Structures are given as C-alpha cells and as structure tokens.
Amino acid sequence: MRTNGSGTLDCDIKLCNSLCCRNCAVLTADELTELVADVRKEYALELDPGKYFREAKGEHGIYYAVKMIRGQCIFLNKEKRCRIYRCRPALCELYPVVDVDSVDERCPVVHKLPQEKIAFLKRKYADEVDERIQKEQKFMFV
C-alpha cells in the first residue's frame, strides 16, 4: 500500500483481489459526462454510457452506476487492473472509505492505515462526493 500524489491509496491487488472493484460506484449525470470526457482524453477510449453504466434511482435523483460483471467492475481487465484508473470515479479513489462515517472493514489494509489517513479520506469524501449521493440510503436500478 502506498499513498499517491493525490493522497489516495495505491494498493497491492494481490492482497485483496481488487476488493474495491466489487463496490458499485455511482455518479451524477455531470460526473458521468466528465468521466466520459476524461477517459476519452486520457485513454482515447470512448465510453458508451449505455454499455458501461446503469441508471439508478434514488430518493434524491437519478444517477449512473458502473455496471458489474460477475460481481466485479466492468472496467477491470483480465489482470484485475482498472482500465480507467487515472480517471476513476471519486468513490473508487477514496476506497476503503465508503461514507463520511465508515470504511469497508473487509479491506485488508484498513486496519493498517493511520487514523489521520482515514480522517483525510473521509474529509475528501465529504468534499468530493456529490451531497445527493451522500444522502442516498439505497439505489433502485431502472
């Protein structure tokens, strides 16, 4: 586990078999548009929203959830590496923080992280994840 330049983690996927990529990242329409543009620019890859995302309805709006294939993110390659890593959604980047008040206890490094690091990631979550998504309790796929 290393911290990269943005303060997020670069983990050794051999420890967890890309556990973070088993969570379904949810984006707003604006975040989806930004992600598509960033991936086009960074990777020269055209993301068709209908192929890579599902509509998800919440109490506070309509969102776009990354599609999962056999319980894993559609963006994982055969080596279990993210094909859009440098552009990945904030919810992916902030893992193991999954909410302003919680972390994914299944993550093998979560108990090795200093409390200051976890607090930093929780603050980033509060600042960077759209407040409507933060308020949602559950999503229904449309």
N, C-alpha and C. Protein backbone atom coordinates (compact mmCIF):
# COMPACT_ATOMS: atom_id res chain seq x y z
N MET A 1 0.84 -1.16 0.00
CA MET A 1 0.00 0.00 0.00
C MET A 1 0.89 1.24 0.00
N ARG A 2 0.61 2.16 -0.89
CA ARG A 2 1.33 3.43 -0.97
C ARG A 2 0.30 4.54 -1.11
N THR A 3 0.71 5.72 -0.72
CA THR A 3 -0.12 6.89 -0.97
C THR A 3 0.41 7.54 -2.23
N ASN A 4 -0.48 7.89 -3.14
CA ASN A 4 -0.03 8.54 -4.36
C ASN A 4 -0.06 10.06 -4.18
N GLY A 5 0.23 10.80 -5.22
CA GLY A 5 0.32 12.25 -5.15
C GLY A 5 -0.94 12.95 -4.70
N SER A 6 -2.10 12.34 -4.91
CA SER A 6 -3.36 12.98 -4.51
C SER A 6 -3.78 12.62 -3.09
N GLY A 7 -2.96 11.81 -2.41
CA GLY A 7 -3.28 11.43 -1.05
C GLY A 7 -4.14 10.19 -0.95
N THR A 8 -4.52 9.60 -2.09
CA THR A 8 -5.30 8.37 -2.06
C THR A 8 -4.33 7.19 -2.06
N LEU A 9 -4.87 5.98 -2.03
CA LEU A 9 -4.04 4.79 -1.90
C LEU A 9 -3.79 4.11 -3.23
N ASP A 10 -2.59 3.58 -3.37
CA ASP A 10 -2.27 2.65 -4.44
C ASP A 10 -2.02 1.33 -3.75
N CYS A 11 -2.93 0.40 -3.87
CA CYS A 11 -2.85 -0.86 -3.13
C CYS A 11 -2.27 -1.97 -3.98
N ASP A 12 -1.80 -2.99 -3.29
CA ASP A 12 -1.33 -4.21 -3.93
C ASP A 12 -2.55 -5.12 -4.09
N ILE A 13 -3.02 -5.26 -5.32
CA ILE A 13 -4.26 -6.03 -5.54
C ILE A 13 -4.10 -7.51 -5.22
N LYS A 14 -2.87 -7.97 -5.07
CA LYS A 14 -2.67 -9.38 -4.69
C LYS A 14 -3.19 -9.64 -3.28
N LEU A 15 -3.24 -8.61 -2.45
CA LEU A 15 -3.74 -8.76 -1.09
C LEU A 15 -5.24 -8.99 -1.04
N CYS A 16 -5.97 -8.34 -1.93
CA CYS A 16 -7.44 -8.37 -1.80
C CYS A 16 -8.16 -8.78 -3.08
N ASN A 17 -7.41 -9.05 -4.14
CA ASN A 17 -8.04 -9.46 -5.40
C ASN A 17 -9.01 -8.39 -5.90
N SER A 18 -8.58 -7.12 -5.81
CA SER A 18 -9.37 -5.97 -6.28
C SER A 18 -10.73 -5.87 -5.58
N LEU A 19 -10.71 -6.01 -4.26
CA LEU A 19 -11.94 -5.92 -3.47
C LEU A 19 -12.67 -4.60 -3.70
N CYS A 20 -11.91 -3.52 -3.82
CA CYS A 20 -12.54 -2.20 -4.02
C CYS A 20 -13.36 -2.17 -5.30
N CYS A 21 -13.03 -3.01 -6.25
CA CYS A 21 -13.72 -3.03 -7.54
C CYS A 21 -14.95 -3.94 -7.51
N ARG A 22 -15.39 -4.29 -6.32
CA ARG A 22 -16.63 -5.03 -6.16
C ARG A 22 -17.72 -4.15 -5.60
N ASN A 23 -17.38 -2.88 -5.38
CA ASN A 23 -18.37 -1.88 -4.98
C ASN A 23 -18.85 -1.19 -6.25
N CYS A 24 -20.08 -0.83 -6.26
CA CYS A 24 -20.67 -0.23 -7.45
C CYS A 24 -20.62 1.29 -7.32
N ALA A 25 -19.69 1.93 -8.02
CA ALA A 25 -19.59 3.39 -7.97
C ALA A 25 -20.80 4.02 -8.65
N VAL A 26 -21.32 5.06 -8.02
CA VAL A 26 -22.50 5.77 -8.53
C VAL A 26 -22.10 7.21 -8.82
N LEU A 27 -22.54 7.73 -9.97
CA LEU A 27 -22.19 9.07 -10.39
C LEU A 27 -23.43 9.87 -10.73
N THR A 28 -23.32 11.18 -10.63
CA THR A 28 -24.37 12.07 -11.12
C THR A 28 -24.23 12.17 -12.64
N ALA A 29 -25.20 12.76 -13.30
CA ALA A 29 -25.12 12.96 -14.75
C ALA A 29 -23.91 13.80 -15.12
N ASP A 30 -23.64 14.86 -14.35
CA ASP A 30 -22.47 15.71 -14.62
C ASP A 30 -21.17 14.94 -14.44
N GLU A 31 -21.10 14.11 -13.39
CA GLU A 31 -19.89 13.32 -13.16
C GLU A 31 -19.68 12.30 -14.28
N LEU A 32 -20.78 11.73 -14.77
CA LEU A 32 -20.68 10.78 -15.88
C LEU A 32 -20.14 11.47 -17.12
N THR A 33 -20.67 12.64 -17.43
CA THR A 33 -20.20 13.40 -18.59
C THR A 33 -18.72 13.73 -18.46
N GLU A 34 -18.31 14.14 -17.27
CA GLU A 34 -16.90 14.46 -17.02
C GLU A 34 -16.01 13.21 -17.15
N LEU A 35 -16.47 12.09 -16.62
CA LEU A 35 -15.71 10.85 -16.71
C LEU A 35 -15.53 10.43 -18.16
N VAL A 36 -16.59 10.48 -18.95
CA VAL A 36 -16.52 10.11 -20.37
C VAL A 36 -15.49 10.99 -21.08
N ALA A 37 -15.52 12.29 -20.82
CA ALA A 37 -14.56 13.21 -21.46
C ALA A 37 -13.14 12.94 -20.99
N ASP A 38 -12.95 12.71 -19.70
CA ASP A 38 -11.60 12.45 -19.16
C ASP A 38 -11.01 11.16 -19.73
N VAL A 39 -11.83 10.11 -19.82
CA VAL A 39 -11.36 8.83 -20.35
C VAL A 39 -11.03 8.97 -21.84
N ARG A 40 -11.84 9.71 -22.56
CA ARG A 40 -11.56 9.95 -23.98
C ARG A 40 -10.20 10.63 -24.14
N LYS A 41 -9.95 11.64 -23.33
CA LYS A 41 -8.71 12.41 -23.41
C LYS A 41 -7.50 11.59 -22.93
N GLU A 42 -7.64 10.92 -21.81
CA GLU A 42 -6.52 10.21 -21.18
C GLU A 42 -6.19 8.88 -21.85
N TYR A 43 -7.20 8.14 -22.28
CA TYR A 43 -7.00 6.78 -22.80
C TYR A 43 -7.42 6.60 -24.25
N ALA A 44 -7.96 7.62 -24.86
CA ALA A 44 -8.50 7.52 -26.22
C ALA A 44 -9.52 6.38 -26.30
N LEU A 45 -10.32 6.25 -25.25
CA LEU A 45 -11.35 5.22 -25.16
C LEU A 45 -12.70 5.91 -25.10
N GLU A 46 -13.60 5.49 -25.95
CA GLU A 46 -14.94 6.07 -25.98
C GLU A 46 -15.86 5.23 -25.10
N LEU A 47 -16.36 5.82 -24.02
CA LEU A 47 -17.27 5.12 -23.12
C LEU A 47 -18.71 5.38 -23.53
N ASP A 48 -19.36 4.36 -24.00
CA ASP A 48 -20.79 4.44 -24.30
C ASP A 48 -21.53 4.26 -22.98
N PRO A 49 -22.19 5.32 -22.48
CA PRO A 49 -22.86 5.19 -21.19
C PRO A 49 -23.81 4.00 -21.10
N GLY A 50 -24.50 3.67 -22.18
CA GLY A 50 -25.42 2.54 -22.16
C GLY A 50 -24.72 1.20 -21.99
N LYS A 51 -23.47 1.12 -22.37
CA LYS A 51 -22.71 -0.12 -22.26
C LYS A 51 -22.04 -0.25 -20.88
N TYR A 52 -21.60 0.85 -20.32
CA TYR A 52 -20.78 0.81 -19.11
C TYR A 52 -21.51 1.21 -17.83
N PHE A 53 -22.72 1.77 -17.95
CA PHE A 53 -23.43 2.29 -16.78
C PHE A 53 -24.90 1.88 -16.81
N ARG A 54 -25.50 1.79 -15.62
CA ARG A 54 -26.94 1.54 -15.47
C ARG A 54 -27.55 2.72 -14.75
N GLU A 55 -28.76 3.06 -15.13
CA GLU A 55 -29.46 4.11 -14.39
C GLU A 55 -29.84 3.56 -13.02
N ALA A 56 -29.68 4.42 -12.02
CA ALA A 56 -30.03 4.05 -10.66
C ALA A 56 -30.86 5.19 -10.08
N LYS A 57 -32.02 4.85 -9.56
CA LYS A 57 -32.91 5.87 -8.99
C LYS A 57 -32.73 5.87 -7.48
N GLY A 58 -32.59 7.08 -6.94
CA GLY A 58 -32.52 7.27 -5.50
C GLY A 58 -33.61 8.22 -5.07
N GLU A 59 -33.70 8.45 -3.81
CA GLU A 59 -34.70 9.36 -3.27
C GLU A 59 -34.46 10.80 -3.74
N HIS A 60 -33.20 11.13 -4.02
CA HIS A 60 -32.84 12.50 -4.37
C HIS A 60 -32.51 12.70 -5.84
N GLY A 61 -32.71 11.68 -6.67
CA GLY A 61 -32.46 11.87 -8.09
C GLY A 61 -32.16 10.59 -8.84
N ILE A 62 -31.80 10.77 -10.10
CA ILE A 62 -31.39 9.67 -10.98
C ILE A 62 -29.88 9.75 -11.11
N TYR A 63 -29.22 8.60 -11.02
CA TYR A 63 -27.76 8.52 -11.05
C TYR A 63 -27.35 7.46 -12.07
N TYR A 64 -26.05 7.27 -12.17
CA TYR A 64 -25.50 6.29 -13.11
C TYR A 64 -24.50 5.43 -12.37
N ALA A 65 -24.81 4.15 -12.29
CA ALA A 65 -23.97 3.19 -11.58
C ALA A 65 -23.10 2.44 -12.58
N VAL A 66 -21.85 2.26 -12.23
CA VAL A 66 -20.94 1.47 -13.06
C VAL A 66 -21.48 0.05 -13.11
N LYS A 67 -21.56 -0.53 -14.30
CA LYS A 67 -22.05 -1.91 -14.44
C LYS A 67 -21.05 -2.88 -13.83
N MET A 68 -21.60 -3.95 -13.30
CA MET A 68 -20.81 -5.00 -12.70
C MET A 68 -20.97 -6.26 -13.54
N ILE A 69 -19.89 -6.99 -13.69
CA ILE A 69 -19.91 -8.26 -14.40
C ILE A 69 -19.39 -9.33 -13.46
N ARG A 70 -20.23 -10.30 -13.17
CA ARG A 70 -19.88 -11.35 -12.22
C ARG A 70 -19.36 -10.77 -10.90
N GLY A 71 -20.02 -9.71 -10.44
CA GLY A 71 -19.68 -9.11 -9.16
C GLY A 71 -18.47 -8.20 -9.14
N GLN A 72 -17.94 -7.88 -10.33
CA GLN A 72 -16.78 -7.00 -10.40
C GLN A 72 -17.02 -5.90 -11.42
N CYS A 73 -16.34 -4.80 -11.21
CA CYS A 73 -16.48 -3.62 -12.06
C CYS A 73 -16.17 -3.94 -13.53
N ILE A 74 -16.98 -3.40 -14.41
CA ILE A 74 -16.81 -3.61 -15.85
C ILE A 74 -15.47 -3.07 -16.36
N PHE A 75 -14.84 -2.18 -15.61
CA PHE A 75 -13.58 -1.59 -16.05
C PHE A 75 -12.34 -2.42 -15.69
N LEU A 76 -12.52 -3.52 -14.98
CA LEU A 76 -11.37 -4.37 -14.68
C LEU A 76 -10.96 -5.18 -15.91
N ASN A 77 -9.64 -5.27 -16.13
CA ASN A 77 -9.16 -6.12 -17.22
C ASN A 77 -8.90 -7.53 -16.69
N LYS A 78 -8.35 -8.40 -17.53
CA LYS A 78 -8.12 -9.80 -17.13
C LYS A 78 -7.13 -9.92 -15.98
N GLU A 79 -6.24 -8.94 -15.84
CA GLU A 79 -5.26 -8.96 -14.75
C GLU A 79 -5.80 -8.29 -13.49
N LYS A 80 -7.10 -7.97 -13.51
CA LYS A 80 -7.79 -7.29 -12.41
C LYS A 80 -7.21 -5.90 -12.15
N ARG A 81 -6.82 -5.23 -13.21
CA ARG A 81 -6.36 -3.85 -13.15
C ARG A 81 -7.43 -2.97 -13.79
N CYS A 82 -7.58 -1.78 -13.24
CA CYS A 82 -8.58 -0.84 -13.75
C CYS A 82 -8.11 -0.24 -15.07
N ARG A 83 -8.96 -0.33 -16.08
CA ARG A 83 -8.62 0.22 -17.41
C ARG A 83 -8.76 1.73 -17.47
N ILE A 84 -9.39 2.35 -16.46
CA ILE A 84 -9.55 3.81 -16.45
C ILE A 84 -8.99 4.39 -15.15
N TYR A 85 -7.99 3.77 -14.58
CA TYR A 85 -7.50 4.08 -13.24
C TYR A 85 -7.23 5.56 -13.02
N ARG A 86 -6.56 6.22 -13.93
CA ARG A 86 -6.20 7.63 -13.74
C ARG A 86 -7.42 8.55 -13.80
N CYS A 87 -8.55 8.04 -14.26
CA CYS A 87 -9.78 8.84 -14.35
C CYS A 87 -10.90 8.28 -13.46
N ARG A 88 -10.62 7.29 -12.68
CA ARG A 88 -11.66 6.57 -11.93
C ARG A 88 -12.52 7.53 -11.09
N PRO A 89 -13.77 7.13 -10.85
CA PRO A 89 -14.68 7.96 -10.06
C PRO A 89 -14.16 8.18 -8.64
N ALA A 90 -14.60 9.27 -8.02
CA ALA A 90 -14.19 9.60 -6.65
C ALA A 90 -14.49 8.47 -5.67
N LEU A 91 -15.64 7.81 -5.82
CA LEU A 91 -15.98 6.72 -4.91
C LEU A 91 -14.96 5.59 -4.98
N CYS A 92 -14.36 5.38 -6.13
CA CYS A 92 -13.31 4.37 -6.28
C CYS A 92 -12.01 4.86 -5.66
N GLU A 93 -11.69 6.09 -5.95
CA GLU A 93 -10.43 6.68 -5.48
C GLU A 93 -10.36 6.77 -3.96
N LEU A 94 -11.47 6.96 -3.30
CA LEU A 94 -11.48 7.15 -1.85
C LEU A 94 -11.59 5.86 -1.05
N TYR A 95 -11.78 4.74 -1.72
CA TYR A 95 -11.86 3.45 -1.03
C TYR A 95 -10.60 3.24 -0.21
N PRO A 96 -10.70 2.76 1.02
CA PRO A 96 -11.76 1.99 1.68
C PRO A 96 -12.83 2.82 2.37
N VAL A 97 -12.78 4.15 2.27
CA VAL A 97 -13.86 4.97 2.82
C VAL A 97 -15.08 4.79 1.92
N VAL A 98 -16.19 4.43 2.52
CA VAL A 98 -17.42 4.20 1.76
C VAL A 98 -18.54 5.16 2.16
N ASP A 99 -18.25 6.01 3.13
CA ASP A 99 -19.20 7.01 3.60
C ASP A 99 -18.40 7.98 4.47
N VAL A 100 -18.99 9.12 4.80
CA VAL A 100 -18.27 10.08 5.65
C VAL A 100 -17.98 9.51 7.03
N ASP A 101 -18.72 8.49 7.42
CA ASP A 101 -18.54 7.92 8.75
C ASP A 101 -18.08 6.47 8.77
N SER A 102 -17.81 5.87 7.60
CA SER A 102 -17.48 4.44 7.64
C SER A 102 -16.47 4.04 6.57
N VAL A 103 -15.83 2.91 6.87
CA VAL A 103 -14.87 2.31 5.96
C VAL A 103 -15.31 0.87 5.71
N ASP A 104 -14.81 0.29 4.63
CA ASP A 104 -15.09 -1.11 4.33
C ASP A 104 -14.14 -1.97 5.16
N GLU A 105 -14.66 -2.59 6.18
CA GLU A 105 -13.85 -3.39 7.11
C GLU A 105 -13.24 -4.62 6.43
N ARG A 106 -13.75 -5.00 5.28
CA ARG A 106 -13.19 -6.17 4.57
C ARG A 106 -11.84 -5.86 3.92
N CYS A 107 -11.54 -4.58 3.71
CA CYS A 107 -10.29 -4.18 3.07
C CYS A 107 -9.12 -4.61 3.95
N PRO A 108 -8.17 -5.37 3.40
CA PRO A 108 -7.07 -5.88 4.23
C PRO A 108 -6.12 -4.81 4.77
N VAL A 109 -6.13 -3.60 4.22
CA VAL A 109 -5.22 -2.56 4.72
C VAL A 109 -5.91 -1.56 5.64
N VAL A 110 -7.21 -1.66 5.79
CA VAL A 110 -7.95 -0.63 6.53
C VAL A 110 -7.45 -0.50 7.97
N HIS A 111 -7.07 -1.58 8.60
CA HIS A 111 -6.61 -1.52 10.00
C HIS A 111 -5.13 -1.17 10.11
N LYS A 112 -4.45 -1.12 8.97
CA LYS A 112 -3.04 -0.73 8.96
C LYS A 112 -2.87 0.75 8.67
N LEU A 113 -3.94 1.39 8.23
CA LEU A 113 -3.87 2.82 7.91
C LEU A 113 -3.86 3.65 9.18
N PRO A 114 -3.03 4.69 9.21
CA PRO A 114 -3.09 5.60 10.35
C PRO A 114 -4.44 6.30 10.40
N GLN A 115 -4.92 6.58 11.59
CA GLN A 115 -6.20 7.26 11.76
C GLN A 115 -6.24 8.59 11.03
N GLU A 116 -5.10 9.27 10.93
CA GLU A 116 -5.04 10.54 10.21
C GLU A 116 -5.35 10.34 8.73
N LYS A 117 -4.88 9.23 8.17
CA LYS A 117 -5.12 8.93 6.75
C LYS A 117 -6.61 8.66 6.53
N ILE A 118 -7.21 7.88 7.40
CA ILE A 118 -8.64 7.60 7.28
C ILE A 118 -9.44 8.89 7.42
N ALA A 119 -9.07 9.72 8.38
CA ALA A 119 -9.76 11.00 8.57
C ALA A 119 -9.61 11.87 7.32
N PHE A 120 -8.43 11.88 6.71
CA PHE A 120 -8.19 12.64 5.49
C PHE A 120 -9.11 12.15 4.37
N LEU A 121 -9.20 10.83 4.19
CA LEU A 121 -10.05 10.26 3.13
C LEU A 121 -11.53 10.55 3.40
N LYS A 122 -11.95 10.53 4.65
CA LYS A 122 -13.34 10.86 4.98
C LYS A 122 -13.64 12.32 4.67
N ARG A 123 -12.68 13.22 4.95
CA ARG A 123 -12.88 14.63 4.60
C ARG A 123 -12.99 14.80 3.09
N LYS A 124 -12.12 14.09 2.35
CA LYS A 124 -12.19 14.15 0.88
C LYS A 124 -13.53 13.64 0.39
N TYR A 125 -14.03 12.57 1.01
CA TYR A 125 -15.34 12.03 0.66
C TYR A 125 -16.40 13.12 0.85
N ALA A 126 -16.38 13.77 2.02
CA ALA A 126 -17.36 14.81 2.31
C ALA A 126 -17.27 15.96 1.32
N ASP A 127 -16.06 16.28 0.89
CA ASP A 127 -15.84 17.41 -0.02
C ASP A 127 -16.09 17.07 -1.49
N GLU A 128 -15.78 15.84 -1.90
CA GLU A 128 -15.75 15.50 -3.32
C GLU A 128 -16.93 14.68 -3.82
N VAL A 129 -17.59 13.95 -2.95
CA VAL A 129 -18.73 13.13 -3.39
C VAL A 129 -19.98 14.00 -3.32
N ASP A 130 -20.72 14.02 -4.41
CA ASP A 130 -21.92 14.84 -4.50
C ASP A 130 -22.81 14.61 -3.28
N GLU A 131 -23.30 15.70 -2.71
CA GLU A 131 -24.08 15.59 -1.47
C GLU A 131 -25.37 14.80 -1.65
N ARG A 132 -25.94 14.79 -2.86
CA ARG A 132 -27.15 13.98 -3.09
C ARG A 132 -26.81 12.50 -2.95
N ILE A 133 -25.68 12.09 -3.49
CA ILE A 133 -25.27 10.69 -3.37
C ILE A 133 -24.98 10.36 -1.92
N GLN A 134 -24.37 11.27 -1.19
CA GLN A 134 -24.09 11.04 0.23
C GLN A 134 -25.37 10.82 1.02
N LYS A 135 -26.46 11.47 0.63
CA LYS A 135 -27.73 11.37 1.36
C LYS A 135 -28.50 10.08 1.04
N GLU A 136 -28.21 9.48 -0.11
CA GLU A 136 -28.98 8.30 -0.52
C GLU A 136 -28.73 7.12 0.42
N GLN A 137 -29.80 6.43 0.75
CA GLN A 137 -29.70 5.23 1.57
C GLN A 137 -29.63 3.97 0.71
N LYS A 138 -30.30 4.02 -0.44
CA LYS A 138 -30.26 2.87 -1.36
C LYS A 138 -30.60 3.36 -2.75
N PHE A 139 -30.22 2.56 -3.72
CA PHE A 139 -30.49 2.86 -5.12
C PHE A 139 -31.30 1.72 -5.71
N MET A 140 -32.24 2.09 -6.59
CA MET A 140 -33.00 1.09 -7.33
C MET A 140 -32.60 1.20 -8.78
N PHE A 141 -32.21 0.09 -9.38
CA PHE A 141 -31.79 0.11 -10.76
C PHE A 141 -33.01 0.15 -11.67
N VAL A 142 -32.95 1.07 -12.65
CA VAL A 142 -34.07 1.30 -13.54
C VAL A 142 -33.89 0.48 -14.80
